[in-house]
Amino acid sequence: MTKRHLAIRFTSAACGIVLCGIAGSAFAASEIKGAAILDNPCGKVAVKQTGLLHAGKMEEANKLSTKEMQDEYKAMPAKDREMMNGMAKMMSPTEEKFAAMIKSSGVLVIDGQAATLTTKTTTKDKNGSSTESTTQKFRITGSECLVTR
């Protein structure tokens, strides 16, 4: 093989590596932290749905989820829906509290049409400390963001 053939192969390989690197970074997940999450459609949906769950308005909260999740909820026996509603109401913070949690520790990772919001809350008392983490998943379609599994 001549030096010219080697140079062409090396240049082709180098260009391929550079192009893959550029393409990979173009499709890499993006991360939003803290208060900026509240300006994102997924952050707005997260806060709104959590507030509705806290208020016991499961039907309204369910409208902020994907059609698959809505259908799954509707297909549940009434007894199971009632139990789920009670748990959701009891465990969900108010809109204000959840917005504060997002501001202090929220991380929203957006990867294409999927997004994941994670918050962590550390509680300290005389027995020590504990950390509670919450995660919500979203599906993004255009400018719409809906809660999903």
N, C-alpha and C. Protein backbone atom coordinates (compact mmCIF):
# COMPACT_ATOMS: atom_id res chain seq x y z
N MET A 1 0.84 -1.16 0.00
CA MET A 1 0.00 0.00 0.00
C MET A 1 0.89 1.24 0.00
N THR A 2 0.50 2.20 -0.80
CA THR A 2 1.31 3.41 -0.91
C THR A 2 0.99 4.38 0.22
N LYS A 3 1.86 5.35 0.35
CA LYS A 3 1.64 6.38 1.37
C LYS A 3 0.36 7.16 1.10
N ARG A 4 0.06 7.32 -0.21
CA ARG A 4 -1.15 8.06 -0.57
C ARG A 4 -2.39 7.30 -0.10
N HIS A 5 -2.44 5.97 -0.30
CA HIS A 5 -3.58 5.16 0.14
C HIS A 5 -3.72 5.20 1.67
N LEU A 6 -2.60 5.13 2.36
CA LEU A 6 -2.65 5.20 3.82
C LEU A 6 -3.18 6.56 4.29
N ALA A 7 -2.74 7.63 3.61
CA ALA A 7 -3.19 8.96 3.98
C ALA A 7 -4.70 9.10 3.77
N ILE A 8 -5.20 8.55 2.66
CA ILE A 8 -6.63 8.63 2.37
C ILE A 8 -7.41 7.85 3.42
N ARG A 9 -6.97 6.64 3.76
CA ARG A 9 -7.66 5.84 4.77
C ARG A 9 -7.63 6.52 6.14
N PHE A 10 -6.49 7.08 6.49
CA PHE A 10 -6.37 7.76 7.78
C PHE A 10 -7.31 8.97 7.83
N THR A 11 -7.32 9.75 6.75
CA THR A 11 -8.19 10.93 6.69
C THR A 11 -9.66 10.53 6.76
N SER A 12 -10.04 9.48 6.06
CA SER A 12 -11.43 9.00 6.10
C SER A 12 -11.81 8.55 7.50
N ALA A 13 -10.95 7.82 8.15
CA ALA A 13 -11.22 7.35 9.50
C ALA A 13 -11.32 8.53 10.46
N ALA A 14 -10.43 9.49 10.34
CA ALA A 14 -10.44 10.65 11.23
C ALA A 14 -11.72 11.46 11.04
N CYS A 15 -12.14 11.65 9.78
CA CYS A 15 -13.39 12.39 9.52
C CYS A 15 -14.58 11.65 10.11
N GLY A 16 -14.59 10.33 9.99
CA GLY A 16 -15.68 9.53 10.56
C GLY A 16 -15.76 9.69 12.06
N ILE A 17 -14.62 9.67 12.71
CA ILE A 17 -14.59 9.82 14.16
C ILE A 17 -15.07 11.21 14.56
N VAL A 18 -14.63 12.24 13.86
CA VAL A 18 -15.04 13.61 14.16
C VAL A 18 -16.54 13.77 13.95
N LEU A 19 -17.06 13.25 12.82
CA LEU A 19 -18.49 13.36 12.55
C LEU A 19 -19.32 12.61 13.59
N CYS A 20 -18.89 11.44 14.01
CA CYS A 20 -19.61 10.70 15.05
C CYS A 20 -19.61 11.48 16.36
N GLY A 21 -18.50 12.10 16.66
CA GLY A 21 -18.42 12.90 17.88
C GLY A 21 -19.36 14.08 17.84
N ILE A 22 -19.44 14.75 16.68
CA ILE A 22 -20.35 15.89 16.53
C ILE A 22 -21.79 15.42 16.62
N ALA A 23 -22.12 14.33 15.92
CA ALA A 23 -23.49 13.80 15.95
C ALA A 23 -23.86 13.35 17.35
N GLY A 24 -22.94 12.72 18.04
CA GLY A 24 -23.21 12.24 19.40
C GLY A 24 -23.49 13.39 20.34
N SER A 25 -22.74 14.48 20.22
CA SER A 25 -22.97 15.61 21.11
C SER A 25 -24.27 16.33 20.76
N ALA A 26 -24.69 16.27 19.50
CA ALA A 26 -25.94 16.90 19.10
C ALA A 26 -27.14 16.17 19.70
N PHE A 27 -26.99 14.87 19.93
CA PHE A 27 -28.09 14.08 20.45
C PHE A 27 -27.92 13.74 21.93
N ALA A 28 -26.96 14.36 22.58
CA ALA A 28 -26.74 14.09 24.00
C ALA A 28 -27.87 14.70 24.82
N ALA A 29 -28.10 14.09 25.96
CA ALA A 29 -29.14 14.58 26.86
C ALA A 29 -28.74 15.94 27.43
N SER A 30 -29.73 16.78 27.66
CA SER A 30 -29.46 18.08 28.29
C SER A 30 -29.99 18.05 29.71
N GLU A 31 -29.42 18.89 30.55
CA GLU A 31 -29.77 18.89 31.96
C GLU A 31 -30.11 20.31 32.40
N ILE A 32 -31.22 20.43 33.10
CA ILE A 32 -31.65 21.72 33.66
C ILE A 32 -31.73 21.54 35.17
N LYS A 33 -31.22 22.52 35.90
CA LYS A 33 -31.21 22.41 37.37
C LYS A 33 -31.94 23.59 38.01
N GLY A 34 -32.51 23.29 39.18
CA GLY A 34 -33.08 24.33 40.02
C GLY A 34 -34.27 25.07 39.44
N ALA A 35 -34.33 26.38 39.73
CA ALA A 35 -35.47 27.22 39.37
C ALA A 35 -35.76 27.24 37.88
N ALA A 36 -34.75 27.06 37.05
CA ALA A 36 -34.95 27.07 35.59
C ALA A 36 -35.91 25.96 35.14
N ILE A 37 -36.02 24.89 35.91
CA ILE A 37 -36.94 23.80 35.59
C ILE A 37 -38.38 24.30 35.56
N LEU A 38 -38.70 25.24 36.41
CA LEU A 38 -40.07 25.75 36.51
C LEU A 38 -40.51 26.51 35.27
N ASP A 39 -39.56 26.92 34.42
CA ASP A 39 -39.87 27.59 33.16
C ASP A 39 -40.06 26.60 32.02
N ASN A 40 -39.67 25.35 32.24
CA ASN A 40 -39.78 24.31 31.22
C ASN A 40 -41.19 23.69 31.26
N PRO A 41 -41.77 23.34 30.11
CA PRO A 41 -43.11 22.72 30.11
C PRO A 41 -43.21 21.49 31.03
N CYS A 42 -42.17 20.69 31.10
CA CYS A 42 -42.21 19.51 31.98
C CYS A 42 -42.23 19.91 33.45
N GLY A 43 -41.49 20.94 33.79
CA GLY A 43 -41.50 21.44 35.17
C GLY A 43 -42.87 21.98 35.55
N LYS A 44 -43.49 22.70 34.61
CA LYS A 44 -44.82 23.25 34.87
C LYS A 44 -45.85 22.14 35.07
N VAL A 45 -45.78 21.11 34.23
CA VAL A 45 -46.70 19.97 34.35
C VAL A 45 -46.47 19.23 35.67
N ALA A 46 -45.21 19.05 36.04
CA ALA A 46 -44.88 18.35 37.28
C ALA A 46 -45.49 19.05 38.49
N VAL A 47 -45.32 20.36 38.56
CA VAL A 47 -45.83 21.13 39.69
C VAL A 47 -47.36 21.11 39.70
N LYS A 48 -47.96 21.32 38.53
CA LYS A 48 -49.42 21.35 38.44
C LYS A 48 -50.02 19.99 38.85
N GLN A 49 -49.47 18.90 38.30
CA GLN A 49 -50.02 17.59 38.61
C GLN A 49 -49.85 17.25 40.10
N THR A 50 -48.70 17.57 40.65
CA THR A 50 -48.47 17.30 42.07
C THR A 50 -49.46 18.06 42.94
N GLY A 51 -49.71 19.32 42.60
CA GLY A 51 -50.69 20.11 43.35
C GLY A 51 -52.10 19.53 43.25
N LEU A 52 -52.47 19.06 42.07
CA LEU A 52 -53.79 18.45 41.89
C LEU A 52 -53.91 17.15 42.68
N LEU A 53 -52.84 16.36 42.68
CA LEU A 53 -52.85 15.12 43.45
C LEU A 53 -53.00 15.42 44.94
N HIS A 54 -52.26 16.40 45.42
CA HIS A 54 -52.34 16.80 46.83
C HIS A 54 -53.76 17.24 47.20
N ALA A 55 -54.43 17.89 46.26
CA ALA A 55 -55.79 18.37 46.49
C ALA A 55 -56.84 17.28 46.31
N GLY A 56 -56.39 16.08 45.92
CA GLY A 56 -57.32 14.97 45.72
C GLY A 56 -58.07 15.02 44.40
N LYS A 57 -57.58 15.79 43.46
CA LYS A 57 -58.23 15.94 42.16
C LYS A 57 -57.58 15.01 41.12
N MET A 58 -57.74 13.71 41.35
CA MET A 58 -57.07 12.70 40.53
C MET A 58 -57.49 12.77 39.06
N GLU A 59 -58.76 12.99 38.80
CA GLU A 59 -59.24 13.04 37.41
C GLU A 59 -58.54 14.17 36.64
N GLU A 60 -58.43 15.34 37.27
CA GLU A 60 -57.74 16.47 36.63
C GLU A 60 -56.25 16.19 36.49
N ALA A 61 -55.65 15.62 37.52
CA ALA A 61 -54.22 15.30 37.48
C ALA A 61 -53.93 14.29 36.38
N ASN A 62 -54.84 13.35 36.19
CA ASN A 62 -54.66 12.30 35.20
C ASN A 62 -54.66 12.86 33.78
N LYS A 63 -55.30 14.00 33.56
CA LYS A 63 -55.32 14.63 32.24
C LYS A 63 -53.95 15.15 31.83
N LEU A 64 -53.04 15.27 32.79
CA LEU A 64 -51.68 15.72 32.50
C LEU A 64 -50.73 14.55 32.23
N SER A 65 -51.28 13.36 32.08
CA SER A 65 -50.48 12.17 31.78
C SER A 65 -50.79 11.69 30.36
N THR A 66 -49.98 10.77 29.88
CA THR A 66 -50.16 10.25 28.53
C THR A 66 -51.47 9.48 28.42
N LYS A 67 -51.95 9.32 27.21
CA LYS A 67 -53.19 8.58 26.97
C LYS A 67 -53.09 7.16 27.51
N GLU A 68 -51.93 6.54 27.38
CA GLU A 68 -51.74 5.18 27.89
C GLU A 68 -51.96 5.13 29.40
N MET A 69 -51.42 6.10 30.10
CA MET A 69 -51.60 6.14 31.56
C MET A 69 -53.05 6.43 31.93
N GLN A 70 -53.69 7.31 31.18
CA GLN A 70 -55.10 7.61 31.44
C GLN A 70 -55.96 6.36 31.24
N ASP A 71 -55.70 5.64 30.15
CA ASP A 71 -56.46 4.42 29.87
C ASP A 71 -56.22 3.35 30.94
N GLU A 72 -54.98 3.25 31.38
CA GLU A 72 -54.62 2.28 32.43
C GLU A 72 -55.37 2.61 33.73
N TYR A 73 -55.43 3.89 34.07
CA TYR A 73 -56.13 4.32 35.28
C TYR A 73 -57.62 4.01 35.17
N LYS A 74 -58.22 4.33 34.03
CA LYS A 74 -59.65 4.09 33.83
C LYS A 74 -60.00 2.61 33.87
N ALA A 75 -59.06 1.76 33.47
CA ALA A 75 -59.30 0.31 33.44
C ALA A 75 -59.18 -0.34 34.82
N MET A 76 -58.65 0.39 35.79
CA MET A 76 -58.49 -0.17 37.14
C MET A 76 -59.85 -0.34 37.80
N PRO A 77 -60.00 -1.35 38.65
CA PRO A 77 -61.24 -1.47 39.43
C PRO A 77 -61.41 -0.24 40.33
N ALA A 78 -62.64 0.15 40.58
CA ALA A 78 -62.94 1.35 41.38
C ALA A 78 -62.25 1.30 42.74
N LYS A 79 -62.21 0.13 43.35
CA LYS A 79 -61.58 -0.04 44.66
C LYS A 79 -60.09 0.32 44.60
N ASP A 80 -59.42 -0.11 43.55
CA ASP A 80 -58.00 0.18 43.38
C ASP A 80 -57.76 1.66 43.09
N ARG A 81 -58.64 2.25 42.26
CA ARG A 81 -58.51 3.69 41.97
C ARG A 81 -58.68 4.51 43.25
N GLU A 82 -59.63 4.11 44.07
CA GLU A 82 -59.89 4.82 45.33
C GLU A 82 -58.67 4.74 46.26
N MET A 83 -58.07 3.56 46.35
CA MET A 83 -56.89 3.39 47.18
C MET A 83 -55.73 4.23 46.63
N MET A 84 -55.55 4.19 45.32
CA MET A 84 -54.48 4.95 44.68
C MET A 84 -54.68 6.45 44.87
N ASN A 85 -55.91 6.91 44.75
CA ASN A 85 -56.21 8.33 44.96
C ASN A 85 -55.85 8.78 46.37
N GLY A 86 -56.21 7.95 47.36
CA GLY A 86 -55.90 8.27 48.75
C GLY A 86 -54.40 8.35 49.00
N MET A 87 -53.66 7.39 48.45
CA MET A 87 -52.20 7.39 48.60
C MET A 87 -51.58 8.60 47.93
N ALA A 88 -52.04 8.91 46.71
CA ALA A 88 -51.49 10.04 45.97
C ALA A 88 -51.74 11.34 46.72
N LYS A 89 -52.95 11.49 47.27
CA LYS A 89 -53.28 12.71 48.02
C LYS A 89 -52.40 12.84 49.26
N MET A 90 -52.22 11.74 49.96
CA MET A 90 -51.45 11.75 51.20
C MET A 90 -49.95 12.00 50.95
N MET A 91 -49.42 11.47 49.87
CA MET A 91 -47.98 11.51 49.63
C MET A 91 -47.51 12.71 48.81
N SER A 92 -48.42 13.38 48.13
CA SER A 92 -48.02 14.49 47.26
C SER A 92 -47.95 15.80 48.02
N PRO A 93 -46.88 16.57 47.81
CA PRO A 93 -46.79 17.89 48.46
C PRO A 93 -47.68 18.90 47.74
N THR A 94 -47.84 20.05 48.32
CA THR A 94 -48.57 21.14 47.67
C THR A 94 -47.75 21.64 46.47
N GLU A 95 -48.39 22.42 45.60
CA GLU A 95 -47.67 23.00 44.46
C GLU A 95 -46.50 23.85 44.97
N GLU A 96 -46.76 24.65 45.98
CA GLU A 96 -45.72 25.55 46.50
C GLU A 96 -44.53 24.78 47.06
N LYS A 97 -44.83 23.74 47.83
CA LYS A 97 -43.75 22.94 48.43
C LYS A 97 -42.96 22.21 47.34
N PHE A 98 -43.67 21.66 46.35
CA PHE A 98 -42.97 20.93 45.29
C PHE A 98 -42.12 21.88 44.45
N ALA A 99 -42.64 23.08 44.17
CA ALA A 99 -41.85 24.08 43.43
C ALA A 99 -40.58 24.44 44.22
N ALA A 100 -40.70 24.56 45.54
CA ALA A 100 -39.53 24.85 46.38
C ALA A 100 -38.54 23.70 46.33
N MET A 101 -39.05 22.46 46.33
CA MET A 101 -38.17 21.29 46.25
C MET A 101 -37.40 21.29 44.93
N ILE A 102 -38.09 21.63 43.84
CA ILE A 102 -37.45 21.69 42.52
C ILE A 102 -36.38 22.77 42.52
N LYS A 103 -36.70 23.94 43.06
CA LYS A 103 -35.72 25.04 43.10
C LYS A 103 -34.46 24.64 43.87
N SER A 104 -34.64 23.93 44.97
CA SER A 104 -33.48 23.63 45.82
C SER A 104 -32.68 22.42 45.35
N SER A 105 -33.35 21.41 44.75
CA SER A 105 -32.58 20.20 44.41
C SER A 105 -32.99 19.55 43.11
N GLY A 106 -33.85 20.18 42.33
CA GLY A 106 -34.37 19.55 41.12
C GLY A 106 -33.35 19.44 40.00
N VAL A 107 -33.42 18.31 39.29
CA VAL A 107 -32.62 18.09 38.10
C VAL A 107 -33.55 17.49 37.05
N LEU A 108 -33.67 18.17 35.90
CA LEU A 108 -34.48 17.69 34.80
C LEU A 108 -33.55 17.30 33.66
N VAL A 109 -33.57 16.03 33.30
CA VAL A 109 -32.74 15.53 32.20
C VAL A 109 -33.66 15.29 31.01
N ILE A 110 -33.36 15.95 29.90
CA ILE A 110 -34.14 15.81 28.68
C ILE A 110 -33.30 15.08 27.65
N ASP A 111 -33.85 13.97 27.17
CA ASP A 111 -33.15 13.14 26.20
C ASP A 111 -34.11 12.82 25.05
N GLY A 112 -34.07 13.66 24.02
CA GLY A 112 -34.98 13.48 22.90
C GLY A 112 -36.40 13.77 23.34
N GLN A 113 -37.30 12.75 23.19
CA GLN A 113 -38.70 12.93 23.57
C GLN A 113 -38.98 12.44 24.98
N ALA A 114 -37.95 12.12 25.72
CA ALA A 114 -38.10 11.65 27.10
C ALA A 114 -37.44 12.64 28.06
N ALA A 115 -38.04 12.76 29.23
CA ALA A 115 -37.46 13.62 30.26
C ALA A 115 -37.69 12.97 31.62
N THR A 116 -36.76 13.22 32.53
CA THR A 116 -36.87 12.70 33.89
C THR A 116 -36.54 13.82 34.86
N LEU A 117 -37.45 14.04 35.80
CA LEU A 117 -37.26 15.04 36.85
C LEU A 117 -36.98 14.33 38.16
N THR A 118 -35.90 14.70 38.81
CA THR A 118 -35.53 14.11 40.09
C THR A 118 -35.36 15.21 41.12
N THR A 119 -35.94 15.01 42.30
CA THR A 119 -35.72 15.93 43.42
C THR A 119 -35.26 15.10 44.61
N LYS A 120 -34.45 15.72 45.46
CA LYS A 120 -33.98 15.06 46.69
C LYS A 120 -34.22 15.99 47.86
N THR A 121 -34.72 15.42 48.92
CA THR A 121 -34.96 16.18 50.15
C THR A 121 -34.26 15.47 51.30
N THR A 122 -33.43 16.20 52.01
CA THR A 122 -32.74 15.64 53.16
C THR A 122 -33.38 16.18 54.43
N THR A 123 -33.71 15.27 55.31
CA THR A 123 -34.33 15.64 56.59
C THR A 123 -33.37 15.27 57.71
N LYS A 124 -33.14 16.21 58.60
CA LYS A 124 -32.26 15.96 59.75
C LYS A 124 -33.06 16.11 61.03
N ASP A 125 -32.84 15.18 61.95
CA ASP A 125 -33.45 15.28 63.27
C ASP A 125 -32.50 14.69 64.30
N LYS A 126 -32.96 14.50 65.53
CA LYS A 126 -32.08 14.01 66.59
C LYS A 126 -31.57 12.59 66.33
N ASN A 127 -32.26 11.84 65.48
CA ASN A 127 -31.85 10.46 65.17
C ASN A 127 -30.89 10.37 64.00
N GLY A 128 -30.61 11.49 63.37
CA GLY A 128 -29.72 11.48 62.21
C GLY A 128 -30.39 12.17 61.03
N SER A 129 -30.05 11.73 59.83
CA SER A 129 -30.63 12.34 58.65
C SER A 129 -31.07 11.26 57.66
N SER A 130 -32.02 11.64 56.82
CA SER A 130 -32.48 10.73 55.78
C SER A 130 -32.70 11.54 54.51
N THR A 131 -32.54 10.89 53.39
CA THR A 131 -32.73 11.54 52.10
C THR A 131 -33.84 10.83 51.34
N GLU A 132 -34.79 11.63 50.87
CA GLU A 132 -35.90 11.10 50.09
C GLU A 132 -35.75 11.62 48.66
N SER A 133 -35.88 10.73 47.70
CA SER A 133 -35.74 11.09 46.30
C SER A 133 -37.06 10.81 45.58
N THR A 134 -37.50 11.74 44.73
CA THR A 134 -38.68 11.51 43.90
C THR A 134 -38.28 11.64 42.43
N THR A 135 -38.90 10.83 41.61
CA THR A 135 -38.60 10.84 40.18
C THR A 135 -39.90 10.83 39.40
N GLN A 136 -40.00 11.69 38.41
CA GLN A 136 -41.13 11.71 37.49
C GLN A 136 -40.59 11.59 36.08
N LYS A 137 -41.27 10.80 35.26
CA LYS A 137 -40.88 10.64 33.86
C LYS A 137 -41.91 11.32 32.98
N PHE A 138 -41.44 11.86 31.85
CA PHE A 138 -42.29 12.60 30.93
C PHE A 138 -42.05 12.17 29.49
N ARG A 139 -43.07 12.37 28.66
CA ARG A 139 -42.94 12.20 27.22
C ARG A 139 -43.19 13.57 26.60
N ILE A 140 -42.27 14.00 25.74
CA ILE A 140 -42.36 15.31 25.11
C ILE A 140 -42.77 15.13 23.65
N THR A 141 -43.83 15.85 23.27
CA THR A 141 -44.29 15.86 21.88
C THR A 141 -44.45 17.31 21.48
N GLY A 142 -43.55 17.80 20.66
CA GLY A 142 -43.57 19.21 20.30
C GLY A 142 -43.33 20.05 21.54
N SER A 143 -44.26 20.97 21.86
CA SER A 143 -44.11 21.79 23.06
C SER A 143 -44.90 21.22 24.24
N GLU A 144 -45.54 20.07 24.02
CA GLU A 144 -46.34 19.43 25.09
C GLU A 144 -45.51 18.41 25.86
N CYS A 145 -45.66 18.44 27.16
CA CYS A 145 -44.96 17.50 28.03
C CYS A 145 -46.00 16.83 28.92
N LEU A 146 -46.05 15.48 28.87
CA LEU A 146 -47.01 14.72 29.67
C LEU A 146 -46.31 13.71 30.55
N VAL A 147 -46.89 13.45 31.71
CA VAL A 147 -46.34 12.48 32.65
C VAL A 147 -46.52 11.08 32.06
N THR A 148 -45.51 10.25 32.19
CA THR A 148 -45.57 8.87 31.71
C THR A 148 -44.87 7.96 32.69
N ARG A 149 -44.84 6.68 32.38
CA ARG A 149 -44.14 5.71 33.23
C ARG A 149 -42.72 5.56 32.80
